[in-house]
C-alpha atoms as a PDB file:
ATOM      1  CA  MET A   1      -3.247  -4.077 -14.064  1.00  0.00           C
ATOM      2  CA  SER A   2      -0.834  -3.440 -16.895  1.00  0.00           C
ATOM      3  CA  GLY A   3      -0.066   0.173 -17.708  1.00  0.00           C
ATOM      4  CA  SER A   4      -0.738   1.440 -14.171  1.00  0.00           C
ATOM      5  CA  LEU A   5       1.102   4.380 -12.602  1.00  0.00           C
ATOM      6  CA  PHE A   6       1.060   4.911  -8.836  1.00  0.00           C
ATOM      7  CA  THR A   7       3.054   5.872  -5.778  1.00  0.00           C
ATOM      8  CA  ALA A   8       3.813   3.008  -3.418  1.00  0.00           C
ATOM      9  CA  TRP A   9       5.685   1.735  -0.405  1.00  0.00           C
ATOM     10  CA  ARG A  10       7.709  -1.407  -1.074  1.00  0.00           C
ATOM     11  CA  PRO A  11       8.840  -3.730   1.723  1.00  0.00           C
ATOM     12  CA  ASP A  12      12.512  -4.098   2.543  1.00  0.00           C
ATOM     13  CA  GLU A  13      14.126  -7.511   3.070  1.00  0.00           C
ATOM     14  CA  ALA A  14      13.039  -7.814   6.713  1.00  0.00           C
ATOM     15  CA  ALA A  15       9.453  -6.922   5.822  1.00  0.00           C
ATOM     16  CA  ARG A  16       9.442  -9.366   2.899  1.00  0.00           C
ATOM     17  CA  THR A  17      10.557 -12.151   5.248  1.00  0.00           C
ATOM     18  CA  GLN A  18       7.723 -11.339   7.628  1.00  0.00           C
ATOM     19  CA  LEU A  19       5.143 -11.121   4.836  1.00  0.00           C
ATOM     20  CA  ALA A  20       6.403 -14.421   3.393  1.00  0.00           C
ATOM     21  CA  ALA A  21       5.615 -16.068   6.739  1.00  0.00           C
ATOM     22  CA  LEU A  22       2.030 -14.800   6.479  1.00  0.00           C
ATOM     23  CA  VAL A  23       1.723 -16.127   2.932  1.00  0.00           C
ATOM     24  CA  SER A  24       3.093 -19.519   4.045  1.00  0.00           C
ATOM     25  CA  ALA A  25       0.524 -19.656   6.862  1.00  0.00           C
ATOM     26  CA  MET A  26      -2.428 -19.142   4.510  1.00  0.00           C
ATOM     27  CA  PRO A  27      -2.541 -22.586   2.834  1.00  0.00           C
ATOM     28  CA  VAL A  28      -1.986 -24.242   6.238  1.00  0.00           C
ATOM     29  CA  ALA A  29      -4.925 -22.322   7.776  1.00  0.00           C
ATOM     30  CA  CYS A  30      -7.213 -22.806   4.754  1.00  0.00           C
ATOM     31  CA  PRO A  31      -9.616 -25.755   5.148  1.00  0.00           C
ATOM     32  CA  THR A  32      -8.758 -28.880   3.149  1.00  0.00           C
ATOM     33  CA  HIS A  33     -11.603 -28.328   0.704  1.00  0.00           C
ATOM     34  CA  GLY A  34     -11.307 -24.542   0.749  1.00  0.00           C
ATOM     35  CA  PRO A  35     -10.519 -22.367  -2.253  1.00  0.00           C
ATOM     36  CA  GLN A  36      -7.058 -22.428  -3.789  1.00  0.00           C
ATOM     37  CA  VAL A  37      -4.762 -19.701  -2.454  1.00  0.00           C
ATOM     38  CA  LYS A  38      -2.692 -18.155  -5.263  1.00  0.00           C
ATOM     39  CA  PRO A  39       0.191 -16.173  -3.717  1.00  0.00           C
ATOM     40  CA  ARG A  40       1.656 -13.092  -5.364  1.00  0.00           C
ATOM     41  CA  ARG A  41       5.390 -12.936  -5.873  1.00  0.00           C
ATOM     42  CA  PRO A  42       7.359 -11.002  -3.220  1.00  0.00           C
ATOM     43  CA  ASP A  43       8.504  -8.492  -5.875  1.00  0.00           C
ATOM     44  CA  GLN A  44       4.806  -7.600  -6.355  1.00  0.00           C
ATOM     45  CA  TRP A  45       4.123  -6.757  -2.689  1.00  0.00           C
ATOM     46  CA  HIS A  46       3.498  -3.076  -2.034  1.00  0.00           C
ATOM     47  CA  ILE A  47       1.071  -0.570  -0.545  1.00  0.00           C
ATOM     48  CA  THR A  48      -0.426   1.729  -3.153  1.00  0.00           C
ATOM     49  CA  LEU A  49      -0.272   5.230  -1.700  1.00  0.00           C
ATOM     50  CA  CYS A  50      -2.022   7.009  -4.565  1.00  0.00           C
ATOM     51  CA  PHE A  51      -3.255   5.444  -7.807  1.00  0.00           C
ATOM     52  CA  ILE A  52      -2.542   7.960 -10.572  1.00  0.00           C
ATOM     53  CA  GLY A  53      -4.143   6.068 -13.468  1.00  0.00           C
ATOM     54  CA  ARG A  54      -3.651   3.729 -16.400  1.00  0.00           C
ATOM     55  CA  GLN A  55      -1.717   4.567 -19.553  1.00  0.00           C
ATOM     56  CA  VAL A  56      -0.712   7.967 -18.107  1.00  0.00           C
ATOM     57  CA  THR A  57       3.096   7.845 -18.131  1.00  0.00           C
ATOM     58  CA  HIS A  58       2.986  11.149 -20.039  1.00  0.00           C
ATOM     59  CA  LEU A  59       2.172  12.702 -16.633  1.00  0.00           C
ATOM     60  CA  VAL A  60       5.672  11.840 -15.367  1.00  0.00           C
ATOM     61  CA  THR A  61       7.216  15.280 -15.672  1.00  0.00           C
ATOM     62  CA  PRO A  62       9.888  17.087 -13.655  1.00  0.00           C
ATOM     63  CA  GLU A  63       7.034  19.018 -12.031  1.00  0.00           C
ATOM     64  CA  LEU A  64       5.327  15.816 -10.836  1.00  0.00           C
ATOM     65  CA  LEU A  65       8.593  14.307  -9.637  1.00  0.00           C
ATOM     66  CA  GLY A  66       9.379  17.509  -7.737  1.00  0.00           C
ATOM     67  CA  ALA A  67       5.929  17.506  -6.121  1.00  0.00           C
ATOM     68  CA  PHE A  68       6.451  13.953  -4.868  1.00  0.00           C
ATOM     69  CA  ALA A  69       9.948  14.813  -3.629  1.00  0.00           C
ATOM     70  CA  ALA A  70       8.464  17.691  -1.634  1.00  0.00           C
ATOM     71  CA  ALA A  71       5.823  15.328  -0.197  1.00  0.00           C
ATOM     72  CA  GLY A  72       8.621  13.092   1.097  1.00  0.00           C
ATOM     73  CA  THR A  73      10.025  15.973   3.145  1.00  0.00           C
ATOM     74  CA  GLN A  74       6.707  16.335   5.020  1.00  0.00           C
ATOM     75  CA  ILE A  75       6.373  12.796   6.390  1.00  0.00           C
ATOM     76  CA  PRO A  76       8.784  11.263   8.911  1.00  0.00           C
ATOM     77  CA  PRO A  77      10.095   7.720   8.635  1.00  0.00           C
ATOM     78  CA  HIS A  78       7.758   5.438  10.572  1.00  0.00           C
ATOM     79  CA  SER A  79       6.628   1.852  11.082  1.00  0.00           C
ATOM     80  CA  PHE A  80       3.370  -0.057  11.058  1.00  0.00           C
ATOM     81  CA  THR A  81       2.235  -3.507  12.121  1.00  0.00           C
ATOM     82  CA  ILE A  82      -0.188  -5.904  10.463  1.00  0.00           C
ATOM     83  CA  GLU A  83      -3.524  -6.147  12.256  1.00  0.00           C
ATOM     84  CA  ARG A  84      -5.224  -8.893  10.254  1.00  0.00           C
ATOM     85  CA  LEU A  85      -5.786 -10.578   6.924  1.00  0.00           C
ATOM     86  CA  ALA A  86      -8.958  -9.981   4.917  1.00  0.00           C
ATOM     87  CA  TYR A  87     -10.599 -11.332   1.771  1.00  0.00           C
ATOM     88  CA  TRP A  88     -12.111  -8.839  -0.681  1.00  0.00           C
ATOM     89  CA  PRO A  89     -14.650 -10.756  -2.789  1.00  0.00           C
ATOM     90  CA  GLY A  90     -14.926  -8.171  -5.579  1.00  0.00           C
ATOM     91  CA  SER A  91     -11.297  -8.617  -6.608  1.00  0.00           C
ATOM     92  CA  GLY A  92     -10.559 -11.982  -4.982  1.00  0.00           C
ATOM     93  CA  ALA A  93      -7.652 -10.358  -3.102  1.00  0.00           C
ATOM     94  CA  LEU A  94      -6.276 -11.655   0.195  1.00  0.00           C
ATOM     95  CA  VAL A  95      -4.824  -8.556   1.841  1.00  0.00           C
ATOM     96  CA  ALA A  96      -2.795  -7.697   4.919  1.00  0.00           C
ATOM     97  CA  LEU A  97      -4.374  -4.732   6.709  1.00  0.00           C
ATOM     98  CA  PRO A  98      -2.175  -2.555   8.935  1.00  0.00           C
ATOM     99  CA  HIS A  99      -3.212  -1.365  12.353  1.00  0.00           C
ATOM    100  CA  THR A 100      -4.248   2.286  12.220  1.00  0.00           C
ATOM    101  CA  CYS A 101      -1.100   4.281  11.414  1.00  0.00           C
ATOM    102  CA  PRO A 102      -1.549   8.066  11.109  1.00  0.00           C
ATOM    103  CA  ALA A 103       1.869   8.504   9.472  1.00  0.00           C
ATOM    104  CA  LEU A 104       1.133   5.900   6.778  1.00  0.00           C
ATOM    105  CA  GLN A 105      -2.228   7.503   6.016  1.00  0.00           C
ATOM    106  CA  ALA A 106      -0.531  10.915   5.992  1.00  0.00           C
ATOM    107  CA  LEU A 107       1.908   9.589   3.366  1.00  0.00           C
ATOM    108  CA  CYS A 108      -1.018   8.406   1.232  1.00  0.00           C
ATOM    109  CA  ASP A 109      -2.674  11.813   1.595  1.00  0.00           C
ATOM    110  CA  ALA A 110       0.563  13.715   0.917  1.00  0.00           C
ATOM    111  CA  THR A 111       1.085  12.019  -2.441  1.00  0.00           C
ATOM    112  CA  ALA A 112      -2.488  12.794  -3.537  1.00  0.00           C
ATOM    113  CA  GLN A 113      -2.106  16.385  -2.345  1.00  0.00           C
ATOM    114  CA  ALA A 114       1.198  16.705  -4.210  1.00  0.00           C
ATOM    115  CA  MET A 115      -0.649  15.960  -7.439  1.00  0.00           C
ATOM    116  CA  ALA A 116      -3.400  18.430  -6.610  1.00  0.00           C
ATOM    117  CA  ARG A 117      -0.836  21.201  -6.048  1.00  0.00           C
ATOM    118  CA  ILE A 118       0.273  20.903  -9.677  1.00  0.00           C
ATOM    119  CA  GLY A 119      -3.257  20.645 -11.046  1.00  0.00           C
ATOM    120  CA  LEU A 120      -3.526  16.872 -11.421  1.00  0.00           C
ATOM    121  CA  ARG A 121      -6.096  14.570  -9.912  1.00  0.00           C
ATOM    122  CA  PRO A 122      -5.332  10.936  -9.046  1.00  0.00           C
ATOM    123  CA  GLU A 123      -7.753   8.304 -10.247  1.00  0.00           C
ATOM    124  CA  GLN A 124      -7.977   6.943  -6.709  1.00  0.00           C
ATOM    125  CA  ALA A 125      -6.697   8.106  -3.334  1.00  0.00           C
ATOM    126  CA  THR A 126      -5.921   5.417  -0.747  1.00  0.00           C
ATOM    127  CA  ARG A 127      -8.227   5.342   2.260  1.00  0.00           C
ATOM    128  CA  GLN A 128      -7.385   1.817   3.456  1.00  0.00           C
ATOM    129  CA  PRO A 129      -3.706   0.997   3.036  1.00  0.00           C
ATOM    130  CA  HIS A 130      -3.178  -2.722   2.373  1.00  0.00           C
ATOM    131  CA  ILE A 131      -0.767  -5.243   0.902  1.00  0.00           C
ATOM    132  CA  THR A 132      -2.212  -7.773  -1.540  1.00  0.00           C
ATOM    133  CA  LEU A 133      -0.468 -11.046  -0.693  1.00  0.00           C
ATOM    134  CA  ALA A 134      -2.534 -13.585  -2.632  1.00  0.00           C
ATOM    135  CA  TYR A 135      -5.738 -14.180  -4.551  1.00  0.00           C
ATOM    136  CA  LEU A 136      -8.689 -16.531  -4.250  1.00  0.00           C
ATOM    137  CA  PRO A 137     -11.277 -17.102  -6.947  1.00  0.00           C
ATOM    138  CA  GLU A 138     -13.509 -14.017  -7.102  1.00  0.00           C
ATOM    139  CA  ARG A 139     -16.743 -13.906  -5.144  1.00  0.00           C
ATOM    140  CA  VAL A 140     -16.262 -16.982  -3.014  1.00  0.00           C
ATOM    141  CA  PRO A 141     -18.014 -16.723   0.381  1.00  0.00           C
ATOM    142  CA  ALA A 142     -16.425 -15.063   3.413  1.00  0.00           C
ATOM    143  CA  GLN A 143     -13.258 -16.819   4.595  1.00  0.00           C
ATOM    144  CA  PRO A 144     -13.387 -17.033   8.423  1.00  0.00           C
ATOM    145  CA  TRP A 145     -10.199 -19.145   8.487  1.00  0.00           C
ATOM    146  CA  LEU A 146      -8.229 -15.952   7.834  1.00  0.00           C
ATOM    147  CA  ASP A 147      -8.981 -14.885  11.423  1.00  0.00           C
ATOM    148  CA  GLY A 148      -6.854 -17.826  12.598  1.00  0.00           C
ATOM    149  CA  VAL A 149      -3.675 -16.600  10.889  1.00  0.00           C
ATOM    150  CA  ASP A 150      -1.379 -14.989  13.464  1.00  0.00           C
ATOM    151  CA  CYS A 151      -0.361 -11.590  12.108  1.00  0.00           C
ATOM    152  CA  ALA A 152       1.785 -10.565  15.078  1.00  0.00           C
ATOM    153  CA  GLY A 153       5.247  -9.549  14.056  1.00  0.00           C
ATOM    154  CA  ASP A 154       7.857  -6.865  14.095  1.00  0.00           C
ATOM    155  CA  PRO A 155       6.957  -3.391  12.836  1.00  0.00           C
ATOM    156  CA  LEU A 156       7.448  -2.897   9.099  1.00  0.00           C
ATOM    157  CA  ARG A 157       9.615   0.121   8.327  1.00  0.00           C
ATOM    158  CA  VAL A 158       8.527   2.912   5.972  1.00  0.00           C
ATOM    159  CA  ASP A 159      11.436   5.215   5.162  1.00  0.00           C
ATOM    160  CA  GLY A 160      10.665   6.071   1.544  1.00  0.00           C
ATOM    161  CA  PHE A 161       8.328   5.588  -1.376  1.00  0.00           C
ATOM    162  CA  ASP A 162       8.490   4.978  -5.114  1.00  0.00           C
ATOM    163  CA  LEU A 163       6.720   5.973  -8.292  1.00  0.00           C
ATOM    164  CA  LEU A 164       5.882   2.631  -9.874  1.00  0.00           C
ATOM    165  CA  THR A 165       4.650   1.581 -13.266  1.00  0.00           C
ATOM    166  CA  ASN A 166       3.358  -1.826 -14.271  1.00  0.00           C
ATOM    167  CA  PRO A 167       4.361  -2.575 -17.861  1.00  0.00           C
ATOM    168  CA  GLY A 168       2.916  -6.077 -17.481  1.00  0.00           C
ATOM    169  CA  GLY A 169       3.550  -8.712 -14.836  1.00  0.00           C
ATOM    170  CA  ARG A 170       6.160  -6.717 -12.939  1.00  0.00           C
ATOM    171  CA  TYR A 171       6.667  -3.325 -11.291  1.00  0.00           C
ATOM    172  CA  GLU A 172       9.353  -0.856 -12.327  1.00  0.00           C
ATOM    173  CA  SER A 173      10.406   2.054 -10.168  1.00  0.00           C
ATOM    174  CA  LEU A 174      10.633   5.340 -12.061  1.00  0.00           C
ATOM    175  CA  ALA A 175      11.792   7.276  -8.989  1.00  0.00           C
ATOM    176  CA  HIS A 176      12.379   6.831  -5.253  1.00  0.00           C
ATOM    177  CA  TRP A 177      12.163   9.398  -2.457  1.00  0.00           C
ATOM    178  CA  PRO A 178      13.268   9.057   1.158  1.00  0.00           C
ATOM    179  CA  LEU A 179      11.032  10.301   3.934  1.00  0.00           C
ATOM    180  CA  ALA A 180      12.659  13.242   5.669  1.00  0.00           C
ATOM    181  CA  GLY A 181       9.934  14.848   7.790  1.00  0.00           C
ATOM    182  CA  THR A 182      10.504  15.476  11.475  1.00  0.00           C
ATOM    183  CA  GLY A 183       6.903  15.091  12.631  1.00  0.00           C
ATOM    184  CA  LEU A 184       3.316  15.061  11.477  1.00  0.00           C
ATOM    185  CA  ALA A 185       1.249  18.225  11.381  1.00  0.00           C
ATOM    186  CA  PRO A 186      -1.367  18.183  14.132  1.00  0.00           C
ATOM    187  CA  PRO A 187      -4.875  17.323  12.963  1.00  0.00           C
ATOM    188  CA  PRO A 188      -7.039  20.358  12.218  1.00  0.00           C
ATOM    189  CA  GLN A 189      -9.078  21.581  15.173  1.00  0.00           C
ATOM    190  CA  GLN A 190     -12.595  22.885  14.803  1.00  0.00           C
ATOM    191  CA  ALA A 191     -13.110  26.184  16.560  1.00  0.00           C
ATOM    192  CA  PRO A 192     -15.767  26.186  19.275  1.00  0.00           C
ATOM    193  CA  LEU A 193     -19.175  27.252  18.025  1.00  0.00           C
ATOM    194  CA  PHE A 194     -20.042  29.188  21.182  1.00  0.00           C
END
């Protein structure tokens, strides 16, 4: 949506090639009389890490940029693989869903926490990382043909993230940060009750 501000991972050339193969497989797998698949452009592919809001570019301050830079030092470079494709009827989106990847989820969480540390609250934190590859008409029935698309492929590399804005039809990067962490913090442990 135009006017959006969010942190995101963007695929490199190797990842774009792999995602393009998935997009090319969709119309082939779709039944002859199935809904029309409307692919997104490769320059639009991304994983939203933390959706900050709409019409909020005034929040882009040195303090916010510094908070995101600090978040990048907490998370190590990592990779993920695509588990499957899914159709979300509410939006009409055809999405690529990664296999569970603790480091990718930690990056999503770190960007939301970076905002919280400076007193800001994102409009939406990411709980299910995904890449929107195409659209179908909204609210068509379930699309079981998506299960037939082979999503096996090389791991997609995550070695940085961007602050993106959408001024309309395209994404512009306002800043980029490399990932420089050396490991993930262990998950919190609950003390025994007895």
